[in-house]
Amino acid sequence: FHHQAVSLTIFEGEAVTTKLVSALDVATALARDLSFGTGLLPPGTIWWQNTRGGPVFALYVEPKVRKVALQETATGPPRRFTIPLPGFIFLCSPGRPPWVYAVKKKPTKETDIVYKAPLCNIFENGLTCPGNHRYPTRVADIVQSFFMSFFTTTANLKDRSLSFPNNIVRLWESLDKKHKFPMQDLVKHGTIKDLMNMESS
């Protein structure tokens, strides 16, 4: 291998021939010996890709009313909410914190809009903050593990709701015991294509 070219040397009897080959030809030749598949995909998988950081599964999660717990102090009991939430896209890798985004409907094309998840413990880019929570290596269990963990008020709570731009907890308070999430309250993040082109690391 050279910095800008790949050479192939062929030894046939007394003759030695050298020629340049493309990197794609080398990759194709090496790939012939590789064999891999996805196995059974987790429920709700809408795409899968292998990245430099490992496999990433995009799971669609239906809208539903969920029970969530908010730990506001280290010693006090958590506040409990029963709130309607929109559909979500979870970008999951085994044993790692997921990336979470809201959607108004199940995506069917790359131009579909994704929104910031109206949840606590999520960074601006959609990556969740695990705190001391450990995620399972079985991707199918990550969504349930996420919602069973305690949310906190120490992470970024802003710009996740049009009605309550300064604190997403105020939205939770207004939705407690309600049955339908106000989709018009979601804050735009990007598109499905943006998520598909993202390198999760």
Protein backbone atom coordinates (compact mmCIF):
# COMPACT_ATOMS: atom_id res chain seq x y z
CA PHE A 1 0.00 0.00 0.00
CA HIS A 2 1.20 3.48 -0.86
CA HIS A 3 -0.16 6.85 0.24
CA GLN A 4 -2.15 7.38 -2.95
CA ALA A 5 -2.21 4.07 -4.81
CA VAL A 6 -2.57 0.34 -4.28
CA SER A 7 -0.31 -1.96 -6.26
CA LEU A 8 -0.85 -5.64 -7.03
CA THR A 9 2.15 -7.85 -7.69
CA ILE A 10 1.54 -11.12 -9.55
CA PHE A 11 4.20 -13.86 -9.49
CA GLU A 12 3.83 -16.38 -12.33
CA GLY A 13 6.81 -18.66 -12.72
CA GLU A 14 9.79 -16.49 -13.61
CA ALA A 15 7.63 -13.47 -14.49
CA VAL A 16 6.70 -10.74 -12.03
CA THR A 17 3.99 -8.25 -13.00
CA THR A 18 2.96 -5.17 -11.00
CA LYS A 19 -0.12 -3.09 -11.70
CA LEU A 20 -2.19 -0.46 -9.93
CA VAL A 21 -5.61 -1.44 -8.59
CA SER A 22 -8.36 0.65 -7.04
CA ALA A 23 -9.00 0.69 -3.31
CA LEU A 24 -12.56 -0.42 -4.12
CA ASP A 25 -11.21 -3.56 -5.81
CA VAL A 26 -9.18 -4.36 -2.68
CA ALA A 27 -12.18 -3.78 -0.41
CA THR A 28 -14.37 -5.97 -2.64
CA ALA A 29 -11.79 -8.77 -2.62
CA LEU A 30 -11.50 -8.66 1.17
CA ALA A 31 -15.27 -8.42 1.65
CA ARG A 32 -15.79 -11.75 -0.13
CA ASP A 33 -14.45 -13.45 2.99
CA LEU A 34 -16.79 -11.54 5.31
CA SER A 35 -20.20 -12.85 6.24
CA PHE A 36 -22.54 -11.03 8.57
CA GLY A 37 -26.23 -10.38 9.04
CA THR A 38 -28.52 -8.58 11.41
CA GLY A 39 -30.19 -11.61 12.93
CA LEU A 40 -33.69 -10.88 14.20
CA LEU A 41 -34.19 -7.14 14.33
CA PRO A 42 -35.69 -5.56 17.47
CA PRO A 43 -39.42 -4.70 17.21
CA GLY A 44 -40.02 -1.31 15.61
CA THR A 45 -36.70 -1.21 13.73
CA ILE A 46 -37.02 1.12 10.74
CA TRP A 47 -33.36 1.08 9.74
CA TRP A 48 -30.04 -0.36 10.81
CA GLN A 49 -26.51 0.66 9.97
CA ASN A 50 -22.98 -0.26 10.90
CA THR A 51 -20.92 2.76 11.97
CA ARG A 52 -17.34 3.25 13.16
CA GLY A 53 -18.80 3.14 16.69
CA GLY A 54 -20.61 -0.16 16.03
CA PRO A 55 -24.14 -1.09 14.97
CA VAL A 56 -26.96 1.45 15.37
CA PHE A 57 -30.62 0.44 15.32
CA ALA A 58 -33.30 3.08 14.68
CA LEU A 59 -36.42 2.04 16.59
CA TYR A 60 -39.81 3.66 16.10
CA VAL A 61 -41.80 3.85 19.35
CA GLU A 62 -45.57 4.49 19.13
CA PRO A 63 -47.17 7.45 20.97
CA LYS A 64 -48.56 6.43 24.32
CA VAL A 65 -49.38 7.54 27.85
CA ARG A 66 -46.39 6.73 30.05
CA LYS A 67 -45.55 6.80 33.73
CA VAL A 68 -42.32 8.71 34.37
CA ALA A 69 -40.42 9.56 37.54
CA LEU A 70 -38.57 12.84 38.10
CA GLN A 71 -35.85 12.85 40.78
CA GLU A 72 -35.48 16.54 41.72
CA THR A 73 -33.29 16.07 44.81
CA ALA A 74 -30.79 13.41 45.82
CA THR A 75 -32.60 12.54 49.05
CA GLY A 76 -36.28 13.26 48.42
CA PRO A 77 -38.83 10.97 46.78
CA PRO A 78 -39.30 11.30 43.01
CA ARG A 79 -42.27 13.13 41.51
CA ARG A 80 -44.47 10.79 39.50
CA PHE A 81 -46.23 11.81 36.29
CA THR A 82 -48.61 10.00 33.95
CA ILE A 83 -48.26 11.87 30.68
CA PRO A 84 -49.10 11.39 27.00
CA LEU A 85 -46.02 11.41 24.80
CA PRO A 86 -45.55 11.55 21.01
CA GLY A 87 -43.94 8.84 18.93
CA PHE A 88 -40.16 8.60 19.16
CA ILE A 89 -37.15 7.49 17.18
CA PHE A 90 -34.55 5.83 19.41
CA LEU A 91 -31.08 5.38 17.92
CA CYS A 92 -29.74 2.45 19.94
CA SER A 93 -26.43 0.64 20.27
CA PRO A 94 -25.91 -2.32 22.62
CA GLY A 95 -25.11 -1.23 26.19
CA ARG A 96 -24.96 2.49 25.35
CA PRO A 97 -27.19 5.51 26.03
CA PRO A 98 -29.65 6.04 23.15
CA TRP A 99 -30.26 9.15 21.08
CA VAL A 100 -33.95 10.13 21.27
CA TYR A 101 -36.09 12.28 18.94
CA ALA A 102 -39.82 12.91 18.68
CA VAL A 103 -41.91 12.37 15.52
CA LYS A 104 -45.51 13.25 14.69
CA LYS A 105 -46.02 9.98 12.77
CA LYS A 106 -44.06 6.88 11.83
CA PRO A 107 -41.44 8.01 9.29
CA THR A 108 -41.82 6.77 5.72
CA LYS A 109 -39.30 8.97 3.89
CA GLU A 110 -35.96 10.64 4.56
CA THR A 111 -37.46 14.13 4.39
CA ASP A 112 -39.84 13.51 7.32
CA ILE A 113 -39.28 15.98 10.16
CA VAL A 114 -37.89 14.94 13.54
CA TYR A 115 -38.34 17.01 16.69
CA LYS A 116 -36.60 17.44 20.01
CA ALA A 117 -37.88 14.87 22.48
CA PRO A 118 -40.04 16.58 25.14
CA LEU A 119 -38.09 14.84 27.89
CA CYS A 120 -35.47 15.56 30.55
CA ASN A 121 -31.94 14.13 30.47
CA ILE A 122 -31.33 14.79 26.78
CA PHE A 123 -28.54 16.91 25.33
CA GLU A 124 -29.15 19.46 22.56
CA ASN A 125 -28.06 16.93 19.88
CA GLY A 126 -30.48 14.23 21.09
CA LEU A 127 -28.04 12.05 23.02
CA THR A 128 -29.43 10.99 26.39
CA CYS A 129 -27.52 11.60 29.61
CA PRO A 130 -27.39 8.25 31.43
CA GLY A 131 -26.12 9.48 34.77
CA ASN A 132 -25.40 6.24 36.63
CA HIS A 133 -28.00 4.26 34.63
CA ARG A 134 -26.62 1.21 32.81
CA TYR A 135 -28.25 0.27 29.52
CA PRO A 136 -28.79 -3.35 28.48
CA THR A 137 -26.78 -4.96 25.70
CA ARG A 138 -30.02 -6.31 24.19
CA VAL A 139 -31.19 -3.46 21.94
CA ALA A 140 -34.86 -4.52 22.21
CA ASP A 141 -34.74 -3.68 25.96
CA ILE A 142 -33.22 -0.18 25.70
CA VAL A 143 -36.48 1.79 25.23
CA GLN A 144 -38.10 0.24 28.30
CA SER A 145 -34.89 0.71 30.28
CA PHE A 146 -34.84 4.41 29.30
CA PHE A 147 -38.39 5.08 30.50
CA MET A 148 -37.92 3.07 33.71
CA SER A 149 -34.89 5.14 34.75
CA PHE A 150 -35.29 8.27 36.87
CA PHE A 151 -35.28 11.57 35.01
CA THR A 152 -33.55 14.53 36.70
CA THR A 153 -33.60 18.32 36.44
CA THR A 154 -29.83 18.72 36.26
CA ALA A 155 -29.52 18.47 32.46
CA ASN A 156 -30.72 20.91 29.79
CA LEU A 157 -34.47 21.48 30.20
CA LYS A 158 -34.82 24.30 27.63
CA ASP A 159 -36.09 24.50 24.06
CA ARG A 160 -38.05 21.23 24.08
CA SER A 161 -41.52 22.80 24.13
CA LEU A 162 -42.96 25.82 22.32
CA SER A 163 -45.37 26.48 25.20
CA PHE A 164 -42.76 26.07 27.94
CA PRO A 165 -39.42 26.94 26.28
CA ASN A 166 -37.53 27.45 29.55
CA ASN A 167 -38.40 24.22 31.37
CA ILE A 168 -39.80 20.99 29.94
CA VAL A 169 -40.99 19.97 33.42
CA ARG A 170 -43.69 22.67 33.18
CA LEU A 171 -45.05 20.83 30.11
CA TRP A 172 -45.07 17.57 32.07
CA GLU A 173 -47.02 19.28 34.85
CA SER A 174 -49.59 20.59 32.36
CA LEU A 175 -49.98 17.14 30.72
CA ASP A 176 -50.17 15.05 33.90
CA LYS A 177 -53.22 12.74 33.75
CA LYS A 178 -54.10 13.93 30.22
CA HIS A 179 -54.58 11.54 27.30
CA LYS A 180 -53.25 13.29 24.19
CA PHE A 181 -49.94 15.01 23.49
CA PRO A 182 -50.19 18.45 21.77
CA MET A 183 -48.15 17.75 18.61
CA GLN A 184 -48.10 21.45 17.69
CA ASP A 185 -45.90 22.02 20.77
CA LEU A 186 -42.93 20.05 19.38
CA VAL A 187 -39.69 21.91 18.52
CA LYS A 188 -38.09 21.01 15.17
CA HIS A 189 -34.68 19.32 15.22
CA GLY A 190 -34.06 18.18 11.62
CA THR A 191 -35.01 15.34 9.28
CA ILE A 192 -34.81 11.56 9.18
CA LYS A 193 -31.98 11.92 6.64
CA ASP A 194 -30.01 13.94 9.21
CA LEU A 195 -30.32 11.04 11.66
CA MET A 196 -29.36 8.47 9.02
CA ASN A 197 -26.23 10.46 8.14
CA MET A 198 -25.20 10.92 11.76
CA GLU A 199 -22.18 9.04 13.11
CA SER A 200 -23.15 7.81 16.57
CA SER A 201 -20.05 7.46 18.68
